[in-house]
Amino acid sequence: MEERVCGRSGQQLSTVGLGTWQLGGDWGEFREEDAPALLDAAVEAGVTFFDTADVYGDGRSERLIGAYLRARPDVRVTVATKMGRRVPQEPENYTLDNFRAWNDRSRTNLGSDTLDLVQLHCPPSEVIASDAVFDALDTLVAEKRVRGYGLSVETCDQALAAIARPGTVSVQIILNPFRLKPLERVLPAAEAAGVAIIARVPLASGLLSGRYTEQTVFAPEDHRTYNRHGEAFDQGETFSGVDYATGVEAAAEFARLAPEGASPAQTALRWIIQQPGVTTVIPGARNAEQVRANAEAAALPPLSDAVLQQIGELYDRRIRPQVHDRW
């Protein structure tokens, strides 16, 4: 699989990575004993980038990845984790002492003295504006706790503020055919600054797979049940902020745009991969078959100009009014 440079860090990341929120259990039940087979499938498919967070299953996702890598010392994978959402997202909590404590926990979970990439996990805008916060992040690098740092953000304005910081290696932002706003300013700014873009929620919480109907029922512990309207965290994290009924109808239209031989999900991933400035995309997967199908998107030919135009028109007609001005 093609690899791209992760911004200023120089690390090489596969164009399709693996998001591991599902290992924590917030996408319905996931058995710990199934993790090695899923991670093996990713590695065998050419994936060299895992993305996790200390809050996924309260550390369970990190621990499963750490155990896997200890059992497979031959595997070359860059692991990014995130920190900051195990406490209230209040600016006073983003201190060097807390960063060190959070980092210690993640290093223990992952079994690594120096973490490849640590990202602040969707912090408030006030945090991104704080010089002291970035001084603290620079200290983590100087202390060799982390090789580099980035930010996972909710809004384009937050992304632009993070990109402007000279130590920022990466920005993780929602980007998919139902979330086009980052194309306007964020991706060009990141490319100009040498900051990696990690595209998250690439399938709009599964909508873009085309598998769901209005009658689909998700498990109670699945965030697609309990956060549809932003009850637990930012609404944009679930179905990209699109109301479910609209999303299902738009996804059915999107599915009809898939080229021959490509699934709707692969088409969505291919669309992201070919956007200038994107470094990697991190779809989740619940089994080895999904992992392999996602990875295959990297080998698909670029989507035609006609398909790209149709995707833009679909977004303008059905999705833009709900999401474009919010994030």
C-alpha atoms as a PDB file:
ATOM      1  CA  MET A   1       0.000   0.000   0.000  1.00  0.00           C
ATOM      2  CA  GLU A   2       1.153   3.532  -0.705  1.00  0.00           C
ATOM      3  CA  GLU A   3       2.597   5.379   2.288  1.00  0.00           C
ATOM      4  CA  ARG A   4       2.706   9.139   2.804  1.00  0.00           C
ATOM      5  CA  VAL A   5       4.842  11.276   5.088  1.00  0.00           C
ATOM      6  CA  CYS A   6       3.198  12.228   8.370  1.00  0.00           C
ATOM      7  CA  GLY A   7       3.847  15.947   8.236  1.00  0.00           C
ATOM      8  CA  ARG A   8       6.869  17.300  10.069  1.00  0.00           C
ATOM      9  CA  SER A   9       7.536  13.986  11.852  1.00  0.00           C
ATOM     10  CA  GLY A  10       8.887  12.226   8.776  1.00  0.00           C
ATOM     11  CA  GLN A  11       7.047   9.025   9.761  1.00  0.00           C
ATOM     12  CA  GLN A  12       5.484   7.032   6.922  1.00  0.00           C
ATOM     13  CA  LEU A  13       1.783   6.181   7.201  1.00  0.00           C
ATOM     14  CA  SER A  14      -0.291   3.917   4.974  1.00  0.00           C
ATOM     15  CA  THR A  15      -2.911   5.849   3.032  1.00  0.00           C
ATOM     16  CA  VAL A  16      -5.563   3.656   4.674  1.00  0.00           C
ATOM     17  CA  GLY A  17      -5.023   3.235   8.389  1.00  0.00           C
ATOM     18  CA  LEU A  18      -7.169   1.623  11.053  1.00  0.00           C
ATOM     19  CA  GLY A  19      -9.349   3.458  13.534  1.00  0.00           C
ATOM     20  CA  THR A  20      -9.741   1.442  16.733  1.00  0.00           C
ATOM     21  CA  TRP A  21     -12.580   3.095  18.630  1.00  0.00           C
ATOM     22  CA  GLN A  22     -14.524  -0.142  18.114  1.00  0.00           C
ATOM     23  CA  LEU A  23     -11.974  -2.047  20.214  1.00  0.00           C
ATOM     24  CA  GLY A  24     -13.189   0.002  23.156  1.00  0.00           C
ATOM     25  CA  GLY A  25     -16.778  -1.123  22.672  1.00  0.00           C
ATOM     26  CA  ASP A  26     -18.632   2.088  21.748  1.00  0.00           C
ATOM     27  CA  TRP A  27     -19.778   0.571  18.444  1.00  0.00           C
ATOM     28  CA  GLY A  28     -21.574  -2.292  20.108  1.00  0.00           C
ATOM     29  CA  GLU A  29     -20.033  -5.351  21.731  1.00  0.00           C
ATOM     30  CA  PHE A  30     -16.489  -6.261  20.693  1.00  0.00           C
ATOM     31  CA  ARG A  31     -14.795  -9.338  22.148  1.00  0.00           C
ATOM     32  CA  GLU A  32     -11.208  -8.810  23.269  1.00  0.00           C
ATOM     33  CA  GLU A  33     -10.179 -12.197  21.901  1.00  0.00           C
ATOM     34  CA  ASP A  34     -11.126 -11.014  18.400  1.00  0.00           C
ATOM     35  CA  ALA A  35      -8.638  -8.137  18.427  1.00  0.00           C
ATOM     36  CA  PRO A  36      -5.496 -10.044  17.292  1.00  0.00           C
ATOM     37  CA  ALA A  37      -7.197 -11.413  14.170  1.00  0.00           C
ATOM     38  CA  LEU A  38      -8.527  -7.977  13.248  1.00  0.00           C
ATOM     39  CA  LEU A  39      -5.134  -6.312  13.743  1.00  0.00           C
ATOM     40  CA  ASP A  40      -3.401  -9.141  11.864  1.00  0.00           C
ATOM     41  CA  ALA A  41      -5.737  -8.619   8.917  1.00  0.00           C
ATOM     42  CA  ALA A  42      -4.887  -4.927   8.870  1.00  0.00           C
ATOM     43  CA  VAL A  43      -1.130  -5.562   8.889  1.00  0.00           C
ATOM     44  CA  GLU A  44      -1.417  -8.228   6.205  1.00  0.00           C
ATOM     45  CA  ALA A  45      -3.373  -5.776   4.044  1.00  0.00           C
ATOM     46  CA  GLY A  46      -0.563  -3.223   4.233  1.00  0.00           C
ATOM     47  CA  VAL A  47      -1.910  -0.993   7.011  1.00  0.00           C
ATOM     48  CA  THR A  48       0.949   0.654   8.922  1.00  0.00           C
ATOM     49  CA  PHE A  49      -1.039   3.158  11.012  1.00  0.00           C
ATOM     50  CA  PHE A  50      -3.307   2.485  13.993  1.00  0.00           C
ATOM     51  CA  ASP A  51      -5.237   5.298  15.651  1.00  0.00           C
ATOM     52  CA  THR A  52      -6.551   4.912  19.191  1.00  0.00           C
ATOM     53  CA  ALA A  53      -7.314   7.008  22.291  1.00  0.00           C
ATOM     54  CA  ASP A  54      -7.045   6.699  26.048  1.00  0.00           C
ATOM     55  CA  VAL A  55     -10.807   7.084  26.354  1.00  0.00           C
ATOM     56  CA  TYR A  56     -11.760   4.220  24.004  1.00  0.00           C
ATOM     57  CA  GLY A  57     -13.069   1.689  26.478  1.00  0.00           C
ATOM     58  CA  ASP A  58     -11.213   3.689  29.158  1.00  0.00           C
ATOM     59  CA  GLY A  59      -7.907   2.391  27.816  1.00  0.00           C
ATOM     60  CA  ARG A  60      -9.066  -0.994  26.541  1.00  0.00           C
ATOM     61  CA  SER A  61      -8.275  -0.152  22.913  1.00  0.00           C
ATOM     62  CA  GLU A  62      -4.754   0.969  23.836  1.00  0.00           C
ATOM     63  CA  ARG A  63      -4.183  -2.144  25.916  1.00  0.00           C
ATOM     64  CA  LEU A  64      -5.310  -4.489  23.141  1.00  0.00           C
ATOM     65  CA  ILE A  65      -3.005  -2.783  20.642  1.00  0.00           C
ATOM     66  CA  GLY A  66      -0.125  -2.889  23.131  1.00  0.00           C
ATOM     67  CA  ALA A  67      -0.639  -6.588  23.755  1.00  0.00           C
ATOM     68  CA  TYR A  68      -0.788  -7.263  20.035  1.00  0.00           C
ATOM     69  CA  LEU A  69       2.452  -5.421  19.312  1.00  0.00           C
ATOM     70  CA  ARG A  70       4.252  -7.186  22.159  1.00  0.00           C
ATOM     71  CA  ALA A  71       3.168 -10.516  20.672  1.00  0.00           C
ATOM     72  CA  ARG A  72       4.221  -9.403  17.168  1.00  0.00           C
ATOM     73  CA  PRO A  73       7.618  -7.670  17.494  1.00  0.00           C
ATOM     74  CA  ASP A  74       8.096  -8.130  13.742  1.00  0.00           C
ATOM     75  CA  VAL A  75       5.244  -5.724  12.929  1.00  0.00           C
ATOM     76  CA  ARG A  76       6.104  -2.174  11.853  1.00  0.00           C
ATOM     77  CA  VAL A  77       3.186   0.060  12.738  1.00  0.00           C
ATOM     78  CA  THR A  78       2.933   3.706  13.743  1.00  0.00           C
ATOM     79  CA  VAL A  79       0.476   4.107  16.621  1.00  0.00           C
ATOM     80  CA  ALA A  80      -1.247   7.389  17.383  1.00  0.00           C
ATOM     81  CA  THR A  81      -3.234   7.851  20.552  1.00  0.00           C
ATOM     82  CA  LYS A  82      -5.226  10.747  21.957  1.00  0.00           C
ATOM     83  CA  MET A  83      -5.606  12.316  25.384  1.00  0.00           C
ATOM     84  CA  GLY A  84      -7.837  14.770  27.189  1.00  0.00           C
ATOM     85  CA  ARG A  85     -11.346  13.314  27.167  1.00  0.00           C
ATOM     86  CA  ARG A  86     -11.182  11.295  30.355  1.00  0.00           C
ATOM     87  CA  VAL A  87     -11.762  14.533  32.280  1.00  0.00           C
ATOM     88  CA  PRO A  88     -14.170  17.420  31.678  1.00  0.00           C
ATOM     89  CA  GLN A  89     -13.100  19.449  28.623  1.00  0.00           C
ATOM     90  CA  GLU A  90     -12.273  22.539  30.664  1.00  0.00           C
ATOM     91  CA  PRO A  91      -9.206  24.669  29.811  1.00  0.00           C
ATOM     92  CA  GLU A  92      -7.786  24.452  33.341  1.00  0.00           C
ATOM     93  CA  ASN A  93      -7.366  20.673  32.936  1.00  0.00           C
ATOM     94  CA  TYR A  94      -4.889  21.023  30.052  1.00  0.00           C
ATOM     95  CA  THR A  95      -1.704  21.339  32.115  1.00  0.00           C
ATOM     96  CA  LEU A  96       1.770  19.838  31.842  1.00  0.00           C
ATOM     97  CA  ASP A  97       1.236  17.796  35.014  1.00  0.00           C
ATOM     98  CA  ASN A  98      -1.956  16.296  33.600  1.00  0.00           C
ATOM     99  CA  PHE A  99      -0.324  15.707  30.223  1.00  0.00           C
ATOM    100  CA  ARG A 100       2.478  13.762  31.895  1.00  0.00           C
ATOM    101  CA  ALA A 101      -0.001  11.696  33.912  1.00  0.00           C
ATOM    102  CA  TRP A 102      -2.159  10.945  30.873  1.00  0.00           C
ATOM    103  CA  ASN A 103       0.935  10.142  28.856  1.00  0.00           C
ATOM    104  CA  ASP A 104       2.236   7.780  31.538  1.00  0.00           C
ATOM    105  CA  ARG A 105      -1.038   5.853  31.443  1.00  0.00           C
ATOM    106  CA  SER A 106      -1.002   5.567  27.643  1.00  0.00           C
ATOM    107  CA  ARG A 107       2.652   4.509  27.600  1.00  0.00           C
ATOM    108  CA  THR A 108       1.829   1.774  30.088  1.00  0.00           C
ATOM    109  CA  ASN A 109      -1.227   0.659  28.112  1.00  0.00           C
ATOM    110  CA  LEU A 110       0.680   0.581  24.828  1.00  0.00           C
ATOM    111  CA  GLY A 111       3.882  -0.820  26.326  1.00  0.00           C
ATOM    112  CA  SER A 112       6.081   1.876  24.822  1.00  0.00           C
ATOM    113  CA  ASP A 113       8.499   4.330  26.438  1.00  0.00           C
ATOM    114  CA  THR A 114       8.073   6.837  23.618  1.00  0.00           C
ATOM    115  CA  LEU A 115       4.761   7.159  21.816  1.00  0.00           C
ATOM    116  CA  ASP A 116       4.789   7.792  18.058  1.00  0.00           C
ATOM    117  CA  LEU A 117       2.082  10.454  18.024  1.00  0.00           C
ATOM    118  CA  VAL A 118      -0.139  11.910  20.738  1.00  0.00           C
ATOM    119  CA  GLN A 119      -3.109  14.097  19.865  1.00  0.00           C
ATOM    120  CA  LEU A 120      -5.208  16.340  22.041  1.00  0.00           C
ATOM    121  CA  HIS A 121      -8.664  14.825  21.755  1.00  0.00           C
ATOM    122  CA  CYS A 122     -11.069  17.481  20.481  1.00  0.00           C
ATOM    123  CA  PRO A 123     -10.165  20.132  23.073  1.00  0.00           C
ATOM    124  CA  PRO A 124     -12.064  23.415  23.460  1.00  0.00           C
ATOM    125  CA  SER A 125     -11.020  26.281  21.210  1.00  0.00           C
ATOM    126  CA  GLU A 126      -9.568  28.105  24.228  1.00  0.00           C
ATOM    127  CA  VAL A 127      -7.070  25.274  24.647  1.00  0.00           C
ATOM    128  CA  ILE A 128      -5.915  25.513  21.038  1.00  0.00           C
ATOM    129  CA  ALA A 129      -5.396  29.255  21.543  1.00  0.00           C
ATOM    130  CA  SER A 130      -3.186  28.745  24.615  1.00  0.00           C
ATOM    131  CA  ASP A 131       0.583  29.183  24.255  1.00  0.00           C
ATOM    132  CA  ALA A 132       1.066  27.357  27.560  1.00  0.00           C
ATOM    133  CA  VAL A 133      -0.647  24.247  26.188  1.00  0.00           C
ATOM    134  CA  PHE A 134       1.716  24.058  23.247  1.00  0.00           C
ATOM    135  CA  ASP A 135       4.697  24.732  25.492  1.00  0.00           C
ATOM    136  CA  ALA A 136       3.599  21.711  27.518  1.00  0.00           C
ATOM    137  CA  LEU A 137       3.280  19.585  24.392  1.00  0.00           C
ATOM    138  CA  ASP A 138       6.765  20.681  23.318  1.00  0.00           C
ATOM    139  CA  THR A 139       7.990  19.553  26.733  1.00  0.00           C
ATOM    140  CA  LEU A 140       6.593  16.051  26.158  1.00  0.00           C
ATOM    141  CA  VAL A 141       8.655  15.881  22.978  1.00  0.00           C
ATOM    142  CA  ALA A 142      11.770  17.232  24.715  1.00  0.00           C
ATOM    143  CA  GLU A 143      11.364  14.625  27.450  1.00  0.00           C
ATOM    144  CA  LYS A 144      11.161  11.911  24.761  1.00  0.00           C
ATOM    145  CA  ARG A 145       7.750  10.842  25.965  1.00  0.00           C
ATOM    146  CA  VAL A 146       6.374  11.374  22.459  1.00  0.00           C
ATOM    147  CA  ARG A 147       7.929  11.688  19.022  1.00  0.00           C
ATOM    148  CA  GLY A 148       5.382  14.251  17.920  1.00  0.00           C
ATOM    149  CA  TYR A 149       2.009  15.747  18.733  1.00  0.00           C
ATOM    150  CA  GLY A 150      -1.119  16.710  16.894  1.00  0.00           C
ATOM    151  CA  LEU A 151      -4.723  17.645  17.507  1.00  0.00           C
ATOM    152  CA  SER A 152      -8.016  15.998  16.753  1.00  0.00           C
ATOM    153  CA  VAL A 153     -10.522  18.784  16.162  1.00  0.00           C
ATOM    154  CA  GLU A 154     -14.221  19.339  15.658  1.00  0.00           C
ATOM    155  CA  THR A 155     -14.231  22.477  13.490  1.00  0.00           C
ATOM    156  CA  CYS A 156     -12.333  23.905  10.559  1.00  0.00           C
ATOM    157  CA  ASP A 157     -11.461  27.028  12.553  1.00  0.00           C
ATOM    158  CA  GLN A 158      -9.852  24.835  15.226  1.00  0.00           C
ATOM    159  CA  ALA A 159      -7.934  22.969  12.538  1.00  0.00           C
ATOM    160  CA  LEU A 160      -6.560  26.192  11.078  1.00  0.00           C
ATOM    161  CA  ALA A 161      -5.467  27.384  14.525  1.00  0.00           C
ATOM    162  CA  ALA A 162      -3.685  24.077  15.160  1.00  0.00           C
ATOM    163  CA  ILE A 163      -1.978  24.117  11.758  1.00  0.00           C
ATOM    164  CA  ALA A 164      -0.571  27.566  12.549  1.00  0.00           C
ATOM    165  CA  ARG A 165       1.358  26.166  15.541  1.00  0.00           C
ATOM    166  CA  PRO A 166       4.955  25.355  14.523  1.00  0.00           C
ATOM    167  CA  GLY A 167       5.165  22.100  16.514  1.00  0.00           C
ATOM    168  CA  THR A 168       1.969  20.538  15.200  1.00  0.00           C
ATOM    169  CA  VAL A 169       2.662  17.335  13.275  1.00  0.00           C
ATOM    170  CA  SER A 170      -0.902  16.380  12.383  1.00  0.00           C
ATOM    171  CA  VAL A 171      -4.509  17.460  12.459  1.00  0.00           C
ATOM    172  CA  GLN A 172      -7.260  14.878  12.621  1.00  0.00           C
ATOM    173  CA  ILE A 173     -10.578  16.101  11.269  1.00  0.00           C
ATOM    174  CA  ILE A 174     -13.849  14.671   9.986  1.00  0.00           C
ATOM    175  CA  LEU A 175     -13.658  14.454   6.200  1.00  0.00           C
ATOM    176  CA  ASN A 176     -15.931  12.416   3.978  1.00  0.00           C
ATOM    177  CA  PRO A 177     -18.384  12.970   1.097  1.00  0.00           C
ATOM    178  CA  PHE A 178     -20.902  14.229   3.694  1.00  0.00           C
ATOM    179  CA  ARG A 179     -18.401  16.689   5.216  1.00  0.00           C
ATOM    180  CA  LEU A 180     -16.722  18.793   2.521  1.00  0.00           C
ATOM    181  CA  LYS A 181     -15.915  22.028   4.316  1.00  0.00           C
ATOM    182  CA  PRO A 182     -12.272  21.056   5.139  1.00  0.00           C
ATOM    183  CA  LEU A 183     -11.556  21.085   1.397  1.00  0.00           C
ATOM    184  CA  GLU A 184     -11.965  24.854   1.284  1.00  0.00           C
ATOM    185  CA  ARG A 185      -9.212  26.042   3.634  1.00  0.00           C
ATOM    186  CA  VAL A 186      -8.005  23.312   5.979  1.00  0.00           C
ATOM    187  CA  LEU A 187      -6.432  20.911   3.484  1.00  0.00           C
ATOM    188  CA  PRO A 188      -4.653  23.663   1.505  1.00  0.00           C
ATOM    189  CA  ALA A 189      -3.316  25.214   4.740  1.00  0.00           C
ATOM    190  CA  ALA A 190      -2.082  21.865   6.040  1.00  0.00           C
ATOM    191  CA  GLU A 191      -0.374  21.023   2.754  1.00  0.00           C
ATOM    192  CA  ALA A 192       1.355  24.420   2.675  1.00  0.00           C
ATOM    193  CA  ALA A 193       2.521  24.082   6.299  1.00  0.00           C
ATOM    194  CA  GLY A 194       3.674  20.466   6.033  1.00  0.00           C
ATOM    195  CA  VAL A 195       1.074  19.242   8.534  1.00  0.00           C
ATOM    196  CA  ALA A 196      -0.437  15.784   8.083  1.00  0.00           C
ATOM    197  CA  ILE A 197      -4.188  15.408   7.686  1.00  0.00           C
ATOM    198  CA  ILE A 198      -5.725  12.326   9.290  1.00  0.00           C
ATOM    199  CA  ALA A 199      -9.277  11.927   7.961  1.00  0.00           C
ATOM    200  CA  ARG A 200     -11.626  10.489  10.563  1.00  0.00           C
ATOM    201  CA  VAL A 201     -15.288   9.393  10.522  1.00  0.00           C
ATOM    202  CA  PRO A 202     -14.689   8.606   6.836  1.00  0.00           C
ATOM    203  CA  LEU A 203     -17.892   6.623   6.356  1.00  0.00           C
ATOM    204  CA  ALA A 204     -20.117   8.996   8.361  1.00  0.00           C
ATOM    205  CA  SER A 205     -20.487   6.384  11.114  1.00  0.00           C
ATOM    206  CA  GLY A 206     -21.282   3.731   8.533  1.00  0.00           C
ATOM    207  CA  LEU A 207     -23.922   5.649   6.575  1.00  0.00           C
ATOM    208  CA  LEU A 208     -21.733   5.759   3.481  1.00  0.00           C
ATOM    209  CA  SER A 209     -21.533   1.975   3.426  1.00  0.00           C
ATOM    210  CA  GLY A 210     -25.102   2.042   2.118  1.00  0.00           C
ATOM    211  CA  ARG A 211     -26.056  -0.812   4.442  1.00  0.00           C
ATOM    212  CA  TYR A 212     -28.460   1.025   6.739  1.00  0.00           C
ATOM    213  CA  THR A 213     -32.154   1.793   6.447  1.00  0.00           C
ATOM    214  CA  GLU A 214     -34.485   3.841   8.597  1.00  0.00           C
ATOM    215  CA  GLN A 215     -35.413   0.578  10.336  1.00  0.00           C
ATOM    216  CA  THR A 216     -31.821  -0.292  11.317  1.00  0.00           C
ATOM    217  CA  VAL A 217     -31.438  -0.648  15.090  1.00  0.00           C
ATOM    218  CA  PHE A 218     -28.068  -0.111  16.779  1.00  0.00           C
ATOM    219  CA  ALA A 219     -27.099  -1.529  20.158  1.00  0.00           C
ATOM    220  CA  PRO A 220     -27.812   0.595  23.251  1.00  0.00           C
ATOM    221  CA  GLU A 221     -24.073   0.946  23.961  1.00  0.00           C
ATOM    222  CA  ASP A 222     -23.422   2.081  20.363  1.00  0.00           C
ATOM    223  CA  HIS A 223     -22.925   5.863  20.061  1.00  0.00           C
ATOM    224  CA  ARG A 224     -25.152   5.764  16.974  1.00  0.00           C
ATOM    225  CA  THR A 225     -27.974   5.109  19.450  1.00  0.00           C
ATOM    226  CA  TYR A 226     -27.055   7.349  22.362  1.00  0.00           C
ATOM    227  CA  ASN A 227     -25.463  10.340  20.614  1.00  0.00           C
ATOM    228  CA  ARG A 228     -27.637  11.001  17.577  1.00  0.00           C
ATOM    229  CA  HIS A 229     -28.432  14.500  18.797  1.00  0.00           C
ATOM    230  CA  GLY A 230     -25.213  15.230  20.657  1.00  0.00           C
ATOM    231  CA  GLU A 231     -26.394  13.881  24.000  1.00  0.00           C
ATOM    232  CA  ALA A 232     -22.966  12.548  25.035  1.00  0.00           C
ATOM    233  CA  PHE A 233     -20.450  14.511  22.926  1.00  0.00           C
ATOM    234  CA  ASP A 234     -20.345  16.626  19.786  1.00  0.00           C
ATOM    235  CA  GLN A 235     -23.179  15.693  17.441  1.00  0.00           C
ATOM    236  CA  GLY A 236     -20.832  15.907  14.477  1.00  0.00           C
ATOM    237  CA  GLU A 237     -19.093  12.722  15.615  1.00  0.00           C
ATOM    238  CA  THR A 238     -22.207  10.643  14.911  1.00  0.00           C
ATOM    239  CA  PHE A 239     -23.335  10.337  11.281  1.00  0.00           C
ATOM    240  CA  SER A 240     -21.166  13.426  10.615  1.00  0.00           C
ATOM    241  CA  GLY A 241     -23.899  15.525  12.189  1.00  0.00           C
ATOM    242  CA  VAL A 242     -26.474  14.659   9.527  1.00  0.00           C
ATOM    243  CA  ASP A 243     -29.886  13.627  10.784  1.00  0.00           C
ATOM    244  CA  TYR A 244     -30.319   9.911  10.330  1.00  0.00           C
ATOM    245  CA  ALA A 245     -33.273   9.916   7.907  1.00  0.00           C
ATOM    246  CA  THR A 246     -31.593  12.403   5.589  1.00  0.00           C
ATOM    247  CA  GLY A 247     -28.345  10.478   5.842  1.00  0.00           C
ATOM    248  CA  VAL A 248     -29.940   7.187   4.842  1.00  0.00           C
ATOM    249  CA  GLU A 249     -31.569   8.748   1.775  1.00  0.00           C
ATOM    250  CA  ALA A 250     -28.388  10.558   0.743  1.00  0.00           C
ATOM    251  CA  ALA A 251     -26.332   7.408   1.264  1.00  0.00           C
ATOM    252  CA  ALA A 252     -28.619   5.499  -1.093  1.00  0.00           C
ATOM    253  CA  GLU A 253     -27.929   8.132  -3.749  1.00  0.00           C
ATOM    254  CA  PHE A 254     -24.217   8.005  -3.032  1.00  0.00           C
ATOM    255  CA  ALA A 255     -24.187   4.218  -3.411  1.00  0.00           C
ATOM    256  CA  ARG A 256     -25.407   4.570  -6.979  1.00  0.00           C
ATOM    257  CA  LEU A 257     -22.287   6.606  -7.795  1.00  0.00           C
ATOM    258  CA  ALA A 258     -19.909   3.774  -6.907  1.00  0.00           C
ATOM    259  CA  PRO A 259     -17.838   2.660  -9.923  1.00  0.00           C
ATOM    260  CA  GLU A 260     -18.116  -0.908 -11.117  1.00  0.00           C
ATOM    261  CA  GLY A 261     -16.206  -3.239  -8.837  1.00  0.00           C
ATOM    262  CA  ALA A 262     -16.153  -0.836  -5.883  1.00  0.00           C
ATOM    263  CA  SER A 263     -18.476  -0.838  -2.893  1.00  0.00           C
ATOM    264  CA  PRO A 264     -19.993   2.417  -1.614  1.00  0.00           C
ATOM    265  CA  ALA A 265     -17.649   2.332   1.386  1.00  0.00           C
ATOM    266  CA  GLN A 266     -14.603   1.857  -0.839  1.00  0.00           C
ATOM    267  CA  THR A 267     -15.817   4.712  -3.039  1.00  0.00           C
ATOM    268  CA  ALA A 268     -16.029   7.015  -0.032  1.00  0.00           C
ATOM    269  CA  LEU A 269     -12.524   6.027   1.078  1.00  0.00           C
ATOM    270  CA  ARG A 270     -11.149   6.462  -2.453  1.00  0.00           C
ATOM    271  CA  TRP A 271     -12.713   9.955  -2.566  1.00  0.00           C
ATOM    272  CA  ILE A 272     -10.874  10.888   0.646  1.00  0.00           C
ATOM    273  CA  ILE A 273      -7.529   9.390  -0.381  1.00  0.00           C
ATOM    274  CA  GLN A 274      -7.386  11.424  -3.579  1.00  0.00           C
ATOM    275  CA  GLN A 275      -8.038  14.787  -1.924  1.00  0.00           C
ATOM    276  CA  PRO A 276      -4.846  16.893  -2.074  1.00  0.00           C
ATOM    277  CA  GLY A 277      -3.370  17.248   1.397  1.00  0.00           C
ATOM    278  CA  VAL A 278      -4.779  14.041   2.906  1.00  0.00           C
ATOM    279  CA  THR A 279      -2.140  11.832   4.506  1.00  0.00           C
ATOM    280  CA  THR A 280      -4.221   8.901   5.740  1.00  0.00           C
ATOM    281  CA  VAL A 281      -7.812   7.887   6.387  1.00  0.00           C
ATOM    282  CA  ILE A 282      -8.770   5.809   9.421  1.00  0.00           C
ATOM    283  CA  PRO A 283     -11.911   3.716   8.918  1.00  0.00           C
ATOM    284  CA  GLY A 284     -12.856   1.423  11.739  1.00  0.00           C
ATOM    285  CA  ALA A 285     -13.697  -2.232  11.214  1.00  0.00           C
ATOM    286  CA  ARG A 286     -15.371  -4.907  13.290  1.00  0.00           C
ATOM    287  CA  ASN A 287     -13.906  -7.924  11.498  1.00  0.00           C
ATOM    288  CA  ALA A 288     -11.105  -9.004   9.178  1.00  0.00           C
ATOM    289  CA  GLU A 289     -13.326  -8.892   6.088  1.00  0.00           C
ATOM    290  CA  GLN A 290     -14.108  -5.208   6.656  1.00  0.00           C
ATOM    291  CA  VAL A 291     -10.433  -4.450   7.269  1.00  0.00           C
ATOM    292  CA  ARG A 292      -9.420  -6.031   3.970  1.00  0.00           C
ATOM    293  CA  ALA A 293     -12.205  -4.319   2.026  1.00  0.00           C
ATOM    294  CA  ASN A 294     -11.237  -0.928   3.427  1.00  0.00           C
ATOM    295  CA  ALA A 295      -7.573  -1.471   2.575  1.00  0.00           C
ATOM    296  CA  GLU A 296      -8.466  -2.399  -0.991  1.00  0.00           C
ATOM    297  CA  ALA A 297      -9.772   1.142  -1.521  1.00  0.00           C
ATOM    298  CA  ALA A 298      -6.162   2.326  -1.675  1.00  0.00           C
ATOM    299  CA  ALA A 299      -5.612   0.332  -4.869  1.00  0.00           C
ATOM    300  CA  LEU A 300      -8.696   1.607  -6.690  1.00  0.00           C
ATOM    301  CA  PRO A 301      -8.185   4.046  -9.577  1.00  0.00           C
ATOM    302  CA  PRO A 302      -9.028   7.690  -8.814  1.00  0.00           C
ATOM    303  CA  LEU A 303     -12.673   8.608  -9.153  1.00  0.00           C
ATOM    304  CA  SER A 304     -13.546  10.360 -12.386  1.00  0.00           C
ATOM    305  CA  ASP A 305     -14.256  14.077 -12.606  1.00  0.00           C
ATOM    306  CA  ALA A 306     -17.871  13.234 -13.411  1.00  0.00           C
ATOM    307  CA  VAL A 307     -18.275  11.213 -10.201  1.00  0.00           C
ATOM    308  CA  LEU A 308     -16.546  13.915  -8.167  1.00  0.00           C
ATOM    309  CA  GLN A 309     -18.965  16.472  -9.563  1.00  0.00           C
ATOM    310  CA  GLN A 310     -21.959  14.289  -8.726  1.00  0.00           C
ATOM    311  CA  ILE A 311     -20.722  13.839  -5.158  1.00  0.00           C
ATOM    312  CA  GLY A 312     -20.416  17.602  -4.793  1.00  0.00           C
ATOM    313  CA  GLU A 313     -23.901  18.117  -6.149  1.00  0.00           C
ATOM    314  CA  LEU A 314     -25.333  15.507  -3.768  1.00  0.00           C
ATOM    315  CA  TYR A 315     -23.636  17.246  -0.843  1.00  0.00           C
ATOM    316  CA  ASP A 316     -24.953  20.672  -1.873  1.00  0.00           C
ATOM    317  CA  ARG A 317     -28.490  19.418  -2.347  1.00  0.00           C
ATOM    318  CA  ARG A 318     -28.922  17.183   0.697  1.00  0.00           C
ATOM    319  CA  ILE A 319     -26.154  17.677   3.249  1.00  0.00           C
ATOM    320  CA  ARG A 320     -24.726  21.200   3.124  1.00  0.00           C
ATOM    321  CA  PRO A 321     -27.670  22.940   4.893  1.00  0.00           C
ATOM    322  CA  GLN A 322     -27.273  20.692   7.955  1.00  0.00           C
ATOM    323  CA  VAL A 323     -23.508  20.639   8.478  1.00  0.00           C
ATOM    324  CA  HIS A 324     -21.530  23.170   6.494  1.00  0.00           C
ATOM    325  CA  ASP A 325     -21.898  26.171   8.767  1.00  0.00           C
ATOM    326  CA  ARG A 326     -21.675  24.208  12.012  1.00  0.00           C
ATOM    327  CA  TRP A 327     -18.241  22.641  11.774  1.00  0.00           C
END
